[in-house]
Amino acid sequence: MADALAKGKKPEPTGSRSGEDVFVESATRAWTWVNENLTTFILLIAGLALVVLGSLYYVNFRASVQEQAAAELAGLRMSGAAPEALIPELEAHVERFDGTKSADEARIVLGRMYLNGGQPGEAIRALEEVVAPANHPVGYAARSLRAAAHEATGDTEAALSTWQALGRSARFGFQRRHASAEAARILAENGRLQEAAAILSRIADEAADDPAEAGVYRIRLGEINGRIRAAAGETSGR
């Protein structure tokens, strides 16, 4: 019986090793490599440490710049200075902190001041440099003001295009509907009543969960439909 068991047992291959043996051998090889390439190893560790320290410094530096920019912009907003005095300060702030969120917010303040001051071209220039996307509050505000500035210059096509883009890309449903309603307004003012009515009908349905908002769009839709019927009556009466 013992002989049979002995015959049935497969001998362990002489080349097989346990996991512990493999680990020890790998560690030995690594240690040997370090000893043989000590200078390279030290430079590698030093380089890695510099990368980590540099990344930490950059993150801290950016955070410090953001805080400084936000504090300065808050001070400018609260200064109560007249627009003619504040605009140069805001322009300087934008140049100094370009690339920060604060610079984009300053551009919006500039755009609004230029627009209110009858300089829509300057408003467009300032607002076009806002880097925040349309689905960000700052980006949405900038594009809304830019559309108003285009309209103030008489460029209704640019204003319409901007509102239509916001109607597709704004983050929240109410923002998309507001932008689409503004596009419908421009279309109606330019005699494109059927297009305006289609937009207002769609966004009124989309706003069904908010009766007050939906009601505003339905009132506007009723006005547009009234104009469409009046135009049809005038045509048939000729």
C-alpha atoms as a PDB file:
ATOM      1  CA  MET A   1       0.000   0.000   0.000  1.00  0.00           C
ATOM      2  CA  ALA A   2       2.763   2.408   0.948  1.00  0.00           C
ATOM      3  CA  ASP A   3       4.631   1.466  -2.211  1.00  0.00           C
ATOM      4  CA  ALA A   4       1.541   2.196  -4.294  1.00  0.00           C
ATOM      5  CA  LEU A   5       1.104   5.605  -2.693  1.00  0.00           C
ATOM      6  CA  ALA A   6       4.757   6.346  -3.235  1.00  0.00           C
ATOM      7  CA  LYS A   7       4.463   5.370  -6.881  1.00  0.00           C
ATOM      8  CA  GLY A   8       1.321   7.488  -7.353  1.00  0.00           C
ATOM      9  CA  LYS A   9       2.841  10.644  -5.895  1.00  0.00           C
ATOM     10  CA  LYS A  10       4.407  12.852  -8.531  1.00  0.00           C
ATOM     11  CA  PRO A  11       7.806  14.141  -7.557  1.00  0.00           C
ATOM     12  CA  GLU A  12       8.056  17.935  -7.330  1.00  0.00           C
ATOM     13  CA  PRO A  13      10.023  19.278 -10.297  1.00  0.00           C
ATOM     14  CA  THR A  14      13.493  20.292  -9.328  1.00  0.00           C
ATOM     15  CA  GLY A  15      13.005  23.655 -11.094  1.00  0.00           C
ATOM     16  CA  SER A  16       9.845  24.658  -9.175  1.00  0.00           C
ATOM     17  CA  ARG A  17      10.099  27.362  -6.495  1.00  0.00           C
ATOM     18  CA  SER A  18       7.765  28.725  -3.871  1.00  0.00           C
ATOM     19  CA  GLY A  19       6.419  32.273  -3.940  1.00  0.00           C
ATOM     20  CA  GLU A  20       8.729  33.134  -1.055  1.00  0.00           C
ATOM     21  CA  ASP A  21      11.750  31.988  -3.054  1.00  0.00           C
ATOM     22  CA  VAL A  22      10.713  34.123  -6.012  1.00  0.00           C
ATOM     23  CA  PHE A  23      10.224  37.175  -3.780  1.00  0.00           C
ATOM     24  CA  VAL A  24      13.596  36.742  -2.111  1.00  0.00           C
ATOM     25  CA  GLU A  25      15.321  36.328  -5.461  1.00  0.00           C
ATOM     26  CA  SER A  26      13.601  39.442  -6.888  1.00  0.00           C
ATOM     27  CA  ALA A  27      14.501  41.497  -3.818  1.00  0.00           C
ATOM     28  CA  THR A  28      18.108  40.311  -4.051  1.00  0.00           C
ATOM     29  CA  ARG A  29      18.307  41.284  -7.695  1.00  0.00           C
ATOM     30  CA  ALA A  30      16.810  44.710  -6.966  1.00  0.00           C
ATOM     31  CA  TRP A  31      19.239  45.321  -4.138  1.00  0.00           C
ATOM     32  CA  THR A  32      22.146  44.228  -6.317  1.00  0.00           C
ATOM     33  CA  TRP A  33      21.036  46.617  -9.066  1.00  0.00           C
ATOM     34  CA  VAL A  34      20.794  49.493  -6.562  1.00  0.00           C
ATOM     35  CA  ASN A  35      24.308  48.767  -5.268  1.00  0.00           C
ATOM     36  CA  GLU A  36      25.695  48.581  -8.777  1.00  0.00           C
ATOM     37  CA  ASN A  37      23.825  51.690  -9.980  1.00  0.00           C
ATOM     38  CA  LEU A  38      23.756  53.788  -6.823  1.00  0.00           C
ATOM     39  CA  THR A  39      24.267  57.113  -8.598  1.00  0.00           C
ATOM     40  CA  THR A  40      21.465  56.413 -11.087  1.00  0.00           C
ATOM     41  CA  PHE A  41      19.163  55.319  -8.263  1.00  0.00           C
ATOM     42  CA  ILE A  42      19.847  58.474  -6.248  1.00  0.00           C
ATOM     43  CA  LEU A  43      19.219  60.676  -9.292  1.00  0.00           C
ATOM     44  CA  LEU A  44      15.985  58.815 -10.010  1.00  0.00           C
ATOM     45  CA  ILE A  45      14.694  59.322  -6.455  1.00  0.00           C
ATOM     46  CA  ALA A  46      15.803  62.957  -6.467  1.00  0.00           C
ATOM     47  CA  GLY A  47      14.036  63.575  -9.788  1.00  0.00           C
ATOM     48  CA  LEU A  48      10.843  61.994  -8.510  1.00  0.00           C
ATOM     49  CA  ALA A  49      10.992  64.102  -5.358  1.00  0.00           C
ATOM     50  CA  LEU A  50      11.450  67.267  -7.425  1.00  0.00           C
ATOM     51  CA  VAL A  51       8.411  66.405  -9.536  1.00  0.00           C
ATOM     52  CA  VAL A  52       6.260  65.844  -6.442  1.00  0.00           C
ATOM     53  CA  LEU A  53       7.506  69.001  -4.724  1.00  0.00           C
ATOM     54  CA  GLY A  54       7.068  71.012  -7.913  1.00  0.00           C
ATOM     55  CA  SER A  55       3.495  69.801  -8.315  1.00  0.00           C
ATOM     56  CA  LEU A  56       2.672  70.687  -4.711  1.00  0.00           C
ATOM     57  CA  TYR A  57       4.241  74.125  -5.115  1.00  0.00           C
ATOM     58  CA  TYR A  58       2.289  74.803  -8.318  1.00  0.00           C
ATOM     59  CA  VAL A  59      -1.026  73.767  -6.729  1.00  0.00           C
ATOM     60  CA  ASN A  60      -0.376  75.952  -3.685  1.00  0.00           C
ATOM     61  CA  PHE A  61       0.780  78.845  -5.864  1.00  0.00           C
ATOM     62  CA  ARG A  62      -2.346  78.665  -8.043  1.00  0.00           C
ATOM     63  CA  ALA A  63      -4.572  78.551  -4.966  1.00  0.00           C
ATOM     64  CA  SER A  64      -2.775  81.595  -3.560  1.00  0.00           C
ATOM     65  CA  VAL A  65      -3.193  83.504  -6.839  1.00  0.00           C
ATOM     66  CA  GLN A  66      -6.893  82.610  -6.988  1.00  0.00           C
ATOM     67  CA  GLU A  67      -7.414  83.866  -3.444  1.00  0.00           C
ATOM     68  CA  GLN A  68      -5.534  87.089  -4.135  1.00  0.00           C
ATOM     69  CA  ALA A  69      -7.494  87.689  -7.342  1.00  0.00           C
ATOM     70  CA  ALA A  70     -10.849  87.019  -5.668  1.00  0.00           C
ATOM     71  CA  ALA A  71     -10.022  89.371  -2.788  1.00  0.00           C
ATOM     72  CA  GLU A  72      -8.928  92.136  -5.160  1.00  0.00           C
ATOM     73  CA  LEU A  73     -12.041  91.795  -7.327  1.00  0.00           C
ATOM     74  CA  ALA A  74     -14.282  91.886  -4.266  1.00  0.00           C
ATOM     75  CA  GLY A  75     -12.558  95.109  -3.213  1.00  0.00           C
ATOM     76  CA  LEU A  76     -13.109  96.651  -6.643  1.00  0.00           C
ATOM     77  CA  ARG A  77     -16.783  95.732  -6.613  1.00  0.00           C
ATOM     78  CA  MET A  78     -17.288  97.245  -3.182  1.00  0.00           C
ATOM     79  CA  SER A  79     -15.299 100.390  -3.898  1.00  0.00           C
ATOM     80  CA  GLY A  80     -18.283 102.302  -5.212  1.00  0.00           C
ATOM     81  CA  ALA A  81     -16.075 103.987  -7.796  1.00  0.00           C
ATOM     82  CA  ALA A  82     -17.632 105.553 -10.891  1.00  0.00           C
ATOM     83  CA  PRO A  83     -17.484 103.434 -14.090  1.00  0.00           C
ATOM     84  CA  GLU A  84     -14.878 105.675 -15.726  1.00  0.00           C
ATOM     85  CA  ALA A  85     -12.569 105.054 -12.763  1.00  0.00           C
ATOM     86  CA  LEU A  86     -13.453 101.414 -12.238  1.00  0.00           C
ATOM     87  CA  ILE A  87     -13.124 100.208 -15.827  1.00  0.00           C
ATOM     88  CA  PRO A  88      -9.325 100.763 -16.036  1.00  0.00           C
ATOM     89  CA  GLU A  89      -8.924  98.963 -12.708  1.00  0.00           C
ATOM     90  CA  LEU A  90     -10.941  96.006 -13.973  1.00  0.00           C
ATOM     91  CA  GLU A  91      -8.980  95.893 -17.241  1.00  0.00           C
ATOM     92  CA  ALA A  92      -5.740  95.817 -15.241  1.00  0.00           C
ATOM     93  CA  HIS A  93      -7.157  93.069 -13.015  1.00  0.00           C
ATOM     94  CA  VAL A  94      -8.019  90.959 -16.058  1.00  0.00           C
ATOM     95  CA  GLU A  95      -4.522  91.377 -17.480  1.00  0.00           C
ATOM     96  CA  ARG A  96      -2.834  90.592 -14.167  1.00  0.00           C
ATOM     97  CA  PHE A  97      -4.913  87.530 -13.314  1.00  0.00           C
ATOM     98  CA  ASP A  98      -5.677  86.220 -16.794  1.00  0.00           C
ATOM     99  CA  GLY A  99      -6.569  82.529 -16.719  1.00  0.00           C
ATOM    100  CA  THR A 100      -8.243  82.628 -13.322  1.00  0.00           C
ATOM    101  CA  LYS A 101     -11.936  82.444 -12.469  1.00  0.00           C
ATOM    102  CA  SER A 102     -11.674  85.948 -11.059  1.00  0.00           C
ATOM    103  CA  ALA A 103     -10.516  87.301 -14.425  1.00  0.00           C
ATOM    104  CA  ASP A 104     -13.594  85.815 -16.101  1.00  0.00           C
ATOM    105  CA  GLU A 105     -15.842  87.368 -13.456  1.00  0.00           C
ATOM    106  CA  ALA A 106     -14.128  90.727 -13.979  1.00  0.00           C
ATOM    107  CA  ARG A 107     -14.771  90.419 -17.726  1.00  0.00           C
ATOM    108  CA  ILE A 108     -18.480  89.972 -17.005  1.00  0.00           C
ATOM    109  CA  VAL A 109     -18.501  93.101 -14.831  1.00  0.00           C
ATOM    110  CA  LEU A 110     -16.654  94.937 -17.608  1.00  0.00           C
ATOM    111  CA  GLY A 111     -19.074  93.665 -20.242  1.00  0.00           C
ATOM    112  CA  ARG A 112     -22.073  94.851 -18.250  1.00  0.00           C
ATOM    113  CA  MET A 113     -20.504  98.261 -17.599  1.00  0.00           C
ATOM    114  CA  TYR A 114     -19.564  98.742 -21.237  1.00  0.00           C
ATOM    115  CA  LEU A 115     -23.040  97.673 -22.353  1.00  0.00           C
ATOM    116  CA  ASN A 116     -24.779  99.986 -19.888  1.00  0.00           C
ATOM    117  CA  GLY A 117     -22.447 102.762 -20.959  1.00  0.00           C
ATOM    118  CA  GLY A 118     -23.437 102.475 -24.614  1.00  0.00           C
ATOM    119  CA  GLN A 119     -20.264 100.675 -25.737  1.00  0.00           C
ATOM    120  CA  PRO A 120     -21.548  97.279 -26.922  1.00  0.00           C
ATOM    121  CA  GLY A 121     -18.484  96.715 -29.103  1.00  0.00           C
ATOM    122  CA  GLU A 122     -16.202  96.949 -26.062  1.00  0.00           C
ATOM    123  CA  ALA A 123     -18.584  94.685 -24.160  1.00  0.00           C
ATOM    124  CA  ILE A 124     -18.291  92.042 -26.868  1.00  0.00           C
ATOM    125  CA  ARG A 125     -14.489  92.298 -26.816  1.00  0.00           C
ATOM    126  CA  ALA A 126     -14.359  91.741 -23.071  1.00  0.00           C
ATOM    127  CA  LEU A 127     -16.923  88.950 -23.011  1.00  0.00           C
ATOM    128  CA  GLU A 128     -15.465  86.991 -25.922  1.00  0.00           C
ATOM    129  CA  GLU A 129     -12.357  86.308 -23.815  1.00  0.00           C
ATOM    130  CA  VAL A 130     -14.287  84.507 -21.064  1.00  0.00           C
ATOM    131  CA  VAL A 131     -12.972  80.935 -21.063  1.00  0.00           C
ATOM    132  CA  ALA A 132     -15.645  79.332 -18.853  1.00  0.00           C
ATOM    133  CA  PRO A 133     -17.900  76.978 -20.866  1.00  0.00           C
ATOM    134  CA  ALA A 134     -21.585  77.636 -21.479  1.00  0.00           C
ATOM    135  CA  ASN A 135     -22.646  75.042 -18.884  1.00  0.00           C
ATOM    136  CA  HIS A 136     -20.832  77.011 -16.150  1.00  0.00           C
ATOM    137  CA  PRO A 137     -22.624  79.936 -14.436  1.00  0.00           C
ATOM    138  CA  VAL A 138     -19.887  82.368 -15.445  1.00  0.00           C
ATOM    139  CA  GLY A 139     -19.904  81.118 -19.028  1.00  0.00           C
ATOM    140  CA  TYR A 140     -23.686  81.361 -19.240  1.00  0.00           C
ATOM    141  CA  ALA A 141     -23.694  84.913 -17.881  1.00  0.00           C
ATOM    142  CA  ALA A 142     -20.976  85.973 -20.307  1.00  0.00           C
ATOM    143  CA  ARG A 143     -22.772  84.566 -23.341  1.00  0.00           C
ATOM    144  CA  SER A 144     -26.096  86.090 -22.296  1.00  0.00           C
ATOM    145  CA  LEU A 145     -24.507  89.524 -22.028  1.00  0.00           C
ATOM    146  CA  ARG A 146     -22.681  89.001 -25.300  1.00  0.00           C
ATOM    147  CA  ALA A 147     -25.953  88.218 -27.063  1.00  0.00           C
ATOM    148  CA  ALA A 148     -27.423  91.445 -25.679  1.00  0.00           C
ATOM    149  CA  ALA A 149     -24.327  93.351 -26.836  1.00  0.00           C
ATOM    150  CA  HIS A 150     -24.587  91.893 -30.355  1.00  0.00           C
ATOM    151  CA  GLU A 151     -28.225  92.937 -30.466  1.00  0.00           C
ATOM    152  CA  ALA A 152     -27.292  96.438 -29.301  1.00  0.00           C
ATOM    153  CA  THR A 153     -24.890  96.752 -32.244  1.00  0.00           C
ATOM    154  CA  GLY A 154     -27.662  95.705 -34.632  1.00  0.00           C
ATOM    155  CA  ASP A 155     -26.112  92.302 -35.339  1.00  0.00           C
ATOM    156  CA  THR A 156     -29.280  90.283 -34.705  1.00  0.00           C
ATOM    157  CA  GLU A 157     -27.911  87.191 -36.443  1.00  0.00           C
ATOM    158  CA  ALA A 158     -24.995  86.976 -34.007  1.00  0.00           C
ATOM    159  CA  ALA A 159     -27.367  87.546 -31.088  1.00  0.00           C
ATOM    160  CA  LEU A 160     -29.739  84.875 -32.386  1.00  0.00           C
ATOM    161  CA  SER A 161     -26.893  82.400 -32.907  1.00  0.00           C
ATOM    162  CA  THR A 162     -25.606  82.993 -29.376  1.00  0.00           C
ATOM    163  CA  TRP A 163     -29.027  82.465 -27.782  1.00  0.00           C
ATOM    164  CA  GLN A 164     -29.652  79.355 -29.877  1.00  0.00           C
ATOM    165  CA  ALA A 165     -26.315  77.878 -28.803  1.00  0.00           C
ATOM    166  CA  LEU A 166     -27.154  78.575 -25.155  1.00  0.00           C
ATOM    167  CA  GLY A 167     -30.530  76.935 -25.686  1.00  0.00           C
ATOM    168  CA  ARG A 168     -28.662  73.743 -26.493  1.00  0.00           C
ATOM    169  CA  SER A 169     -25.669  73.856 -24.150  1.00  0.00           C
ATOM    170  CA  ALA A 170     -26.683  75.645 -20.929  1.00  0.00           C
ATOM    171  CA  ARG A 171     -26.501  73.446 -17.856  1.00  0.00           C
ATOM    172  CA  PHE A 172     -30.011  73.806 -16.442  1.00  0.00           C
ATOM    173  CA  GLY A 173     -33.353  73.382 -18.142  1.00  0.00           C
ATOM    174  CA  PHE A 174     -34.669  76.799 -17.116  1.00  0.00           C
ATOM    175  CA  GLN A 175     -31.532  78.412 -18.562  1.00  0.00           C
ATOM    176  CA  ARG A 176     -31.948  76.565 -21.856  1.00  0.00           C
ATOM    177  CA  ARG A 177     -35.613  77.573 -22.006  1.00  0.00           C
ATOM    178  CA  HIS A 178     -34.828  81.220 -21.237  1.00  0.00           C
ATOM    179  CA  ALA A 179     -32.202  81.290 -23.992  1.00  0.00           C
ATOM    180  CA  SER A 180     -34.602  79.648 -26.430  1.00  0.00           C
ATOM    181  CA  ALA A 181     -37.299  82.184 -25.510  1.00  0.00           C
ATOM    182  CA  GLU A 182     -34.877  85.018 -26.281  1.00  0.00           C
ATOM    183  CA  ALA A 183     -34.129  83.392 -29.637  1.00  0.00           C
ATOM    184  CA  ALA A 184     -37.886  83.182 -30.291  1.00  0.00           C
ATOM    185  CA  ARG A 185     -38.239  86.880 -29.430  1.00  0.00           C
ATOM    186  CA  ILE A 186     -35.597  87.856 -31.983  1.00  0.00           C
ATOM    187  CA  LEU A 187     -37.169  85.615 -34.616  1.00  0.00           C
ATOM    188  CA  ALA A 188     -40.585  87.172 -34.000  1.00  0.00           C
ATOM    189  CA  GLU A 189     -39.178  90.690 -34.173  1.00  0.00           C
ATOM    190  CA  ASN A 190     -37.747  89.816 -37.566  1.00  0.00           C
ATOM    191  CA  GLY A 191     -41.015  88.430 -38.916  1.00  0.00           C
ATOM    192  CA  ARG A 192     -40.144  84.736 -38.525  1.00  0.00           C
ATOM    193  CA  LEU A 193     -43.320  84.056 -36.595  1.00  0.00           C
ATOM    194  CA  GLN A 194     -43.747  80.351 -37.358  1.00  0.00           C
ATOM    195  CA  GLU A 195     -40.233  79.567 -36.097  1.00  0.00           C
ATOM    196  CA  ALA A 196     -40.831  81.611 -32.964  1.00  0.00           C
ATOM    197  CA  ALA A 197     -44.154  79.872 -32.309  1.00  0.00           C
ATOM    198  CA  ALA A 198     -42.564  76.423 -32.670  1.00  0.00           C
ATOM    199  CA  ILE A 199     -39.886  77.283 -30.104  1.00  0.00           C
ATOM    200  CA  LEU A 200     -42.354  78.751 -27.608  1.00  0.00           C
ATOM    201  CA  SER A 201     -44.684  75.767 -27.936  1.00  0.00           C
ATOM    202  CA  ARG A 202     -41.799  73.384 -27.258  1.00  0.00           C
ATOM    203  CA  ILE A 203     -40.417  75.160 -24.211  1.00  0.00           C
ATOM    204  CA  ALA A 204     -43.910  75.689 -22.768  1.00  0.00           C
ATOM    205  CA  ASP A 205     -44.356  71.907 -22.845  1.00  0.00           C
ATOM    206  CA  GLU A 206     -40.907  71.399 -21.327  1.00  0.00           C
ATOM    207  CA  ALA A 207     -41.766  73.761 -18.461  1.00  0.00           C
ATOM    208  CA  ALA A 208     -45.029  71.970 -17.653  1.00  0.00           C
ATOM    209  CA  ASP A 209     -43.777  71.106 -14.145  1.00  0.00           C
ATOM    210  CA  ASP A 210     -43.528  74.834 -13.376  1.00  0.00           C
ATOM    211  CA  PRO A 211     -46.958  76.365 -14.140  1.00  0.00           C
ATOM    212  CA  ALA A 212     -45.714  79.930 -13.667  1.00  0.00           C
ATOM    213  CA  GLU A 213     -42.847  79.553 -16.133  1.00  0.00           C
ATOM    214  CA  ALA A 214     -44.958  77.594 -18.607  1.00  0.00           C
ATOM    215  CA  GLY A 215     -47.685  80.261 -18.337  1.00  0.00           C
ATOM    216  CA  VAL A 216     -45.268  83.013 -19.409  1.00  0.00           C
ATOM    217  CA  TYR A 217     -44.284  81.058 -22.506  1.00  0.00           C
ATOM    218  CA  ARG A 218     -47.918  80.254 -23.345  1.00  0.00           C
ATOM    219  CA  ILE A 219     -48.853  83.936 -23.105  1.00  0.00           C
ATOM    220  CA  ARG A 220     -46.042  84.791 -25.515  1.00  0.00           C
ATOM    221  CA  LEU A 221     -47.117  81.924 -27.767  1.00  0.00           C
ATOM    222  CA  GLY A 222     -50.672  83.265 -27.785  1.00  0.00           C
ATOM    223  CA  GLU A 223     -49.384  86.682 -28.846  1.00  0.00           C
ATOM    224  CA  ILE A 224     -47.352  85.172 -31.663  1.00  0.00           C
ATOM    225  CA  ASN A 225     -50.249  83.006 -32.834  1.00  0.00           C
ATOM    226  CA  GLY A 226     -52.437  86.118 -32.817  1.00  0.00           C
ATOM    227  CA  ARG A 227     -49.963  87.857 -35.083  1.00  0.00           C
ATOM    228  CA  ILE A 228     -49.865  84.816 -37.354  1.00  0.00           C
ATOM    229  CA  ARG A 229     -53.669  84.797 -37.654  1.00  0.00           C
ATOM    230  CA  ALA A 230     -53.735  88.543 -38.256  1.00  0.00           C
ATOM    231  CA  ALA A 231     -51.147  88.222 -40.999  1.00  0.00           C
ATOM    232  CA  ALA A 232     -53.117  85.355 -42.564  1.00  0.00           C
ATOM    233  CA  GLY A 233     -56.302  87.471 -42.437  1.00  0.00           C
ATOM    234  CA  GLU A 234     -54.623  90.379 -44.122  1.00  0.00           C
ATOM    235  CA  THR A 235     -53.323  88.099 -46.861  1.00  0.00           C
ATOM    236  CA  SER A 236     -56.721  86.486 -47.499  1.00  0.00           C
ATOM    237  CA  GLY A 237     -58.441  89.891 -47.535  1.00  0.00           C
ATOM    238  CA  ARG A 238     -56.381  91.172 -50.389  1.00  0.00           C
END
